[in-house]
N, C-alpha and C. Protein backbone atom coordinates (compact mmCIF):
# COMPACT_ATOMS: atom_id res chain seq x y z
N MET A 1 62.00 25.83 27.04
CA MET A 1 62.24 25.97 28.36
C MET A 1 63.40 27.21 28.24
N PRO A 2 64.04 27.80 28.40
CA PRO A 2 64.99 28.83 28.32
C PRO A 2 65.49 28.46 29.06
N LYS A 3 66.70 29.05 28.10
CA LYS A 3 68.76 28.69 28.99
C LYS A 3 68.00 29.65 30.07
N GLY A 4 68.84 28.89 31.27
CA GLY A 4 69.48 29.23 32.71
C GLY A 4 68.87 28.68 33.19
N ARG A 5 68.00 28.06 33.26
CA ARG A 5 67.04 27.76 34.48
C ARG A 5 67.69 26.75 34.90
N SER A 6 67.79 26.93 36.53
CA SER A 6 68.50 25.93 37.43
C SER A 6 67.87 24.52 37.41
N ALA A 7 68.59 23.59 37.54
CA ALA A 7 68.36 21.98 37.44
C ALA A 7 66.87 22.37 38.79
N LYS A 8 67.26 22.60 39.64
CA LYS A 8 65.82 22.81 41.15
C LYS A 8 64.62 23.38 40.02
N LYS A 9 64.26 24.34 39.36
CA LYS A 9 63.34 24.83 38.91
C LYS A 9 62.84 24.04 37.84
N LYS A 10 63.68 22.67 37.17
CA LYS A 10 63.17 22.36 36.09
C LYS A 10 62.60 20.97 36.66
N THR A 11 62.96 20.98 38.29
CA THR A 11 63.04 19.32 39.10
C THR A 11 61.20 20.27 39.66
N GLU A 12 61.15 21.31 40.23
CA GLU A 12 60.07 21.64 40.99
C GLU A 12 58.87 20.98 40.27
N MET A 13 59.42 22.40 38.94
CA MET A 13 58.42 22.16 37.36
C MET A 13 56.92 20.55 37.25
N ALA A 14 58.99 19.81 37.04
CA ALA A 14 58.31 18.83 36.92
C ALA A 14 57.58 17.92 37.72
N LEU A 15 57.65 18.31 39.26
CA LEU A 15 57.09 17.75 40.22
C LEU A 15 55.46 18.22 39.75
N SER A 16 55.61 19.75 40.25
CA SER A 16 54.06 20.65 40.11
C SER A 16 53.22 20.22 38.88
N ASN A 17 53.62 19.00 38.36
CA ASN A 17 52.91 18.71 37.28
C ASN A 17 52.30 16.79 37.93
N THR A 18 53.16 16.30 38.81
CA THR A 18 53.16 15.34 38.72
C THR A 18 52.30 14.71 40.11
N VAL A 19 52.41 15.66 41.06
CA VAL A 19 52.84 15.66 41.98
C VAL A 19 51.73 16.30 43.39
N THR A 20 50.80 15.65 44.07
CA THR A 20 50.12 17.00 44.69
C THR A 20 51.01 17.48 46.28
N LEU A 21 51.36 18.43 45.68
CA LEU A 21 51.91 19.06 47.47
C LEU A 21 52.14 19.24 48.04
N SER A 22 52.12 18.98 49.53
CA SER A 22 51.48 18.52 50.64
C SER A 22 51.71 19.84 51.54
N TYR A 23 51.51 21.26 50.67
CA TYR A 23 52.41 22.25 51.35
C TYR A 23 51.40 23.72 51.26
N TYR A 24 51.55 24.41 51.20
CA TYR A 24 50.84 25.97 51.08
C TYR A 24 52.09 26.77 51.23
N THR A 25 51.94 27.78 50.12
CA THR A 25 52.87 29.01 50.15
C THR A 25 52.42 30.39 50.73
N ILE A 26 53.27 31.05 50.81
CA ILE A 26 52.81 32.27 51.44
C ILE A 26 51.50 32.72 50.37
N GLN A 27 51.56 32.42 49.43
CA GLN A 27 50.62 33.02 48.84
C GLN A 27 49.72 32.46 48.40
N ASP A 28 49.67 31.04 49.02
CA ASP A 28 48.16 30.45 49.05
C ASP A 28 47.53 30.29 50.04
N VAL A 29 48.20 30.77 50.89
CA VAL A 29 48.11 31.57 52.54
C VAL A 29 46.91 33.10 52.39
N MET A 30 47.35 33.55 51.56
CA MET A 30 46.99 34.60 51.40
C MET A 30 46.05 34.89 50.88
N THR A 31 46.02 33.75 49.90
CA THR A 31 44.10 32.82 48.92
C THR A 31 43.69 33.27 50.04
N ILE A 32 43.27 31.79 51.07
CA ILE A 32 42.86 31.52 51.92
C ILE A 32 42.68 32.42 52.24
N LEU A 33 43.04 32.89 53.46
CA LEU A 33 43.34 33.41 54.42
C LEU A 33 42.09 35.43 53.69
N GLY A 34 42.56 35.67 52.88
CA GLY A 34 42.02 36.97 52.34
C GLY A 34 42.88 37.98 52.46
N CYS A 35 44.39 37.97 53.14
CA CYS A 35 45.23 38.92 54.05
C CYS A 35 46.33 39.63 52.48
N GLY A 36 47.22 39.99 53.48
CA GLY A 36 48.23 40.59 52.66
C GLY A 36 49.17 39.49 52.99
N ARG A 37 50.67 39.79 51.94
CA ARG A 37 51.85 39.11 52.19
C ARG A 37 52.20 39.30 53.22
N THR A 38 52.39 40.62 53.89
CA THR A 38 53.06 39.88 55.24
C THR A 38 52.45 39.48 56.43
N LYS A 39 51.17 39.71 56.89
CA LYS A 39 50.22 38.94 57.77
C LYS A 39 50.31 37.09 57.44
N ALA A 40 50.36 37.00 55.91
CA ALA A 40 49.90 34.99 55.13
C ALA A 40 51.78 35.33 55.37
N SER A 41 53.19 35.34 55.61
CA SER A 41 53.71 35.23 56.19
C SER A 41 53.81 35.42 57.47
N GLU A 42 53.93 36.05 58.49
CA GLU A 42 53.98 35.56 59.70
C GLU A 42 52.95 35.25 60.19
N VAL A 43 51.80 34.21 59.70
CA VAL A 43 51.08 33.49 60.23
C VAL A 43 51.55 31.87 59.93
N VAL A 44 52.47 32.11 58.22
CA VAL A 44 53.72 30.62 57.95
C VAL A 44 54.97 30.77 58.85
N ARG A 45 55.75 31.02 59.13
CA ARG A 45 56.49 32.24 60.41
C ARG A 45 56.07 30.74 61.44
N ALA A 46 54.75 31.79 62.29
CA ALA A 46 53.88 31.04 63.47
C ALA A 46 53.77 29.98 63.63
N LEU A 47 53.47 29.02 62.18
CA LEU A 47 53.14 28.32 62.66
C LEU A 47 54.51 27.02 62.38
N ASN A 48 55.21 27.32 61.46
CA ASN A 48 56.65 26.74 61.68
C ASN A 48 57.53 26.86 62.96
N ASP A 49 57.17 27.57 63.49
CA ASP A 49 57.58 28.05 64.92
C ASP A 49 57.12 26.61 66.17
N GLU A 50 55.69 26.81 65.62
CA GLU A 50 54.84 26.28 66.70
C GLU A 50 55.40 24.03 66.22
N LEU A 51 55.57 24.12 65.39
CA LEU A 51 55.98 22.54 64.59
C LEU A 51 57.52 22.28 65.29
N GLU A 52 58.38 23.03 65.21
CA GLU A 52 59.67 23.46 65.37
C GLU A 52 59.51 23.12 66.95
N LYS A 53 58.91 23.41 67.39
CA LYS A 53 58.60 23.47 69.17
C LYS A 53 58.22 22.64 69.25
N GLN A 54 57.60 21.60 68.80
CA GLN A 54 57.12 20.61 69.20
C GLN A 54 57.98 19.07 68.77
N GLY A 55 59.09 19.07 67.91
CA GLY A 55 60.80 18.71 67.66
C GLY A 55 60.29 18.50 66.31
N TYR A 56 59.34 19.20 65.22
CA TYR A 56 59.41 18.47 63.56
C TYR A 56 59.97 19.29 63.01
N MET A 57 61.05 18.85 62.43
CA MET A 57 61.93 19.46 61.35
C MET A 57 61.05 20.61 60.66
N ARG A 58 61.51 22.12 60.59
CA ARG A 58 60.79 22.95 60.42
C ARG A 58 60.83 22.75 58.24
N PHE A 59 59.88 23.49 57.87
CA PHE A 59 59.41 23.34 56.28
C PHE A 59 59.96 24.39 55.26
N PRO A 60 61.00 23.94 54.49
CA PRO A 60 61.25 24.94 53.86
C PRO A 60 60.59 26.89 53.86
N LEU A 61 61.31 27.54 54.00
CA LEU A 61 61.39 29.17 53.84
C LEU A 61 60.26 29.11 52.90
N GLY A 62 59.01 30.25 53.66
CA GLY A 62 57.98 30.77 52.77
C GLY A 62 56.99 29.42 52.42
N ARG A 63 57.19 27.79 53.41
CA ARG A 63 55.94 27.27 53.56
C ARG A 63 55.83 26.67 54.85
N VAL A 64 54.16 26.13 54.74
CA VAL A 64 53.69 25.49 56.12
C VAL A 64 52.59 23.70 55.27
N PRO A 65 52.50 22.67 56.09
CA PRO A 65 52.07 22.21 55.74
C PRO A 65 50.57 21.86 55.40
N LYS A 66 50.40 21.57 54.91
CA LYS A 66 49.24 21.39 54.24
C LYS A 66 47.92 21.29 55.50
N LYS A 67 48.08 19.63 56.06
CA LYS A 67 47.24 19.41 56.57
C LYS A 67 47.40 20.11 58.67
N TYR A 68 48.38 21.06 58.87
CA TYR A 68 49.40 21.77 60.14
C TYR A 68 47.75 22.49 60.14
N PHE A 69 48.17 24.27 59.02
CA PHE A 69 47.85 24.56 58.39
C PHE A 69 46.09 24.29 58.61
N HIS A 70 45.50 23.03 57.79
CA HIS A 70 44.24 22.98 58.15
C HIS A 70 43.58 22.43 60.01
N GLU A 71 44.67 22.09 60.17
CA GLU A 71 44.53 21.66 61.67
C GLU A 71 43.93 23.03 62.48
N ARG A 72 44.98 23.97 62.57
CA ARG A 72 45.29 24.93 63.26
C ARG A 72 43.74 25.65 62.88
N TYR A 73 43.69 26.05 61.83
CA TYR A 73 42.13 27.21 61.35
C TYR A 73 40.89 26.62 61.22
N HIS A 74 40.79 25.07 62.00
CA HIS A 74 39.91 24.46 61.85
C HIS A 74 39.15 24.14 60.14
N LEU A 75 40.05 23.64 59.45
CA LEU A 75 39.31 23.61 57.55
C LEU A 75 39.13 22.74 57.40
N GLU A 76 38.43 22.00 56.59
CA GLU A 76 37.93 20.79 56.61
C GLU A 76 39.06 20.28 55.23
N GLU A 77 39.75 19.35 55.26
CA GLU A 77 40.83 18.75 53.67
C GLU A 77 39.48 18.95 52.88
N ARG A 78 40.03 19.26 51.58
CA ARG A 78 40.06 19.76 50.41
C ARG A 78 40.33 18.06 49.98
N ILE A 79 39.17 17.45 49.43
CA ILE A 79 39.39 16.46 48.86
C ILE A 79 40.42 16.38 46.92
N GLU A 80 40.71 16.40 46.66
CA GLU A 80 41.89 16.10 46.30
C GLU A 80 41.03 15.06 44.89
N ALA A 81 40.70 15.09 43.53
CA ALA A 81 40.75 14.10 42.41
C ALA A 81 41.39 13.67 41.54
């Protein structure tokens, strides 16, 4: 690993190898919906606003919970092996 990488980046890389993440990033939303970055950002922001109004804590910037995304867009949960 190149020098200068932050501890946070190392932790994220370690987690990505061992844990199935419970959220989608803007890039994931772009792929799923077949839209551009701007639209995907608007979707993520809107879904997080809805969750916040329901009393849930806001997800980190640019991420949306998979379960809620699937619920709102009527997608079936993918079974991950």
